[in-house]
Amino acid sequence: MICGTCACKKEKILTSKIYLTMNGELFVGDIPATFCECGIHVSYSVEMEIEDYINEKNNTVTGIVHLSYNEL
């Protein structure tokens, strides 16, 4: 089980999320995740990779920037 609360069939999906930065927003698409009846679960390692990218590029993101997870 992925979430630990349900026993339904898990499906692999791609999701997207918006992260706020110092001077704008970073829209990240194509994030690998797992979907079950409890919700969408993004793995800890994927979240950490995105967080590291945001910390590295925080001051250079201005306005709304669209990226695919594969571009990180």
Protein backbone atom coordinates (compact mmCIF):
# COMPACT_ATOMS: atom_id res chain seq x y z
CA MET A 1 0.00 0.00 0.00
CA ILE A 2 1.18 3.50 -0.79
CA CYS A 3 -0.86 5.58 1.63
CA GLY A 4 -1.31 3.01 4.40
CA THR A 5 -5.03 3.61 4.81
CA CYS A 6 -6.71 1.94 1.84
CA ALA A 7 -6.34 -1.31 -0.06
CA CYS A 8 -7.57 -0.16 -3.46
CA LYS A 9 -5.71 -0.58 -6.73
CA LYS A 10 -2.99 2.04 -7.14
CA GLU A 11 -2.55 3.75 -10.51
CA LYS A 12 0.54 5.57 -11.76
CA ILE A 13 -0.30 9.06 -12.98
CA LEU A 14 1.33 12.38 -13.87
CA THR A 15 0.25 15.40 -11.88
CA SER A 16 1.16 19.09 -11.67
CA LYS A 17 1.71 21.54 -8.85
CA ILE A 18 2.32 25.27 -8.41
CA TYR A 19 5.12 26.42 -6.10
CA LEU A 20 5.48 30.01 -4.88
CA THR A 21 8.93 31.57 -5.12
CA MET A 22 10.33 34.92 -3.94
CA ASN A 23 9.34 36.75 -7.18
CA GLY A 24 6.79 34.54 -8.89
CA GLU A 25 5.32 31.11 -9.35
CA LEU A 26 6.80 27.89 -10.67
CA PHE A 27 4.32 25.55 -12.38
CA VAL A 28 5.76 22.03 -12.56
CA GLY A 29 3.93 19.52 -14.74
CA ASP A 30 4.39 15.82 -15.47
CA ILE A 31 5.26 14.98 -11.85
CA PRO A 32 5.19 11.18 -11.39
CA ALA A 33 2.71 10.17 -8.69
CA THR A 34 0.42 7.39 -7.54
CA PHE A 35 -3.36 7.71 -7.30
CA CYS A 36 -5.66 5.77 -4.99
CA GLU A 37 -9.09 6.40 -3.49
CA CYS A 38 -7.42 8.39 -0.67
CA GLY A 39 -5.77 10.87 -3.01
CA ILE A 40 -2.64 11.61 -5.02
CA HIS A 41 0.71 10.65 -3.51
CA VAL A 42 4.03 12.08 -4.76
CA SER A 43 7.07 10.20 -3.48
CA TYR A 44 9.35 11.88 -0.96
CA SER A 45 12.36 11.68 -3.30
CA VAL A 46 10.45 13.46 -6.09
CA GLU A 47 9.30 16.19 -3.68
CA MET A 48 12.88 16.65 -2.44
CA GLU A 49 14.20 16.96 -6.00
CA ILE A 50 11.65 19.66 -6.77
CA GLU A 51 12.40 21.43 -3.48
CA ASP A 52 16.15 21.40 -4.22
CA TYR A 53 15.48 22.93 -7.65
CA ILE A 54 13.31 25.66 -6.12
CA ASN A 55 15.94 26.48 -3.49
CA GLU A 56 18.57 26.71 -6.23
CA LYS A 57 16.50 28.88 -8.61
CA ASN A 58 14.38 30.81 -6.10
CA ASN A 59 15.79 34.27 -6.89
CA THR A 60 15.82 33.78 -10.69
CA VAL A 61 12.17 32.79 -11.12
CA THR A 62 10.12 35.88 -12.00
CA GLY A 63 6.49 35.84 -13.06
CA ILE A 64 4.96 32.49 -13.90
CA VAL A 65 7.38 29.84 -15.17
CA HIS A 66 6.14 26.54 -16.63
CA LEU A 67 8.40 23.49 -16.45
CA SER A 68 8.07 19.78 -16.92
CA TYR A 69 9.43 17.60 -14.12
CA ASN A 70 11.75 16.09 -16.74
CA GLU A 71 13.40 19.52 -17.23
CA LEU A 72 14.51 19.74 -13.61
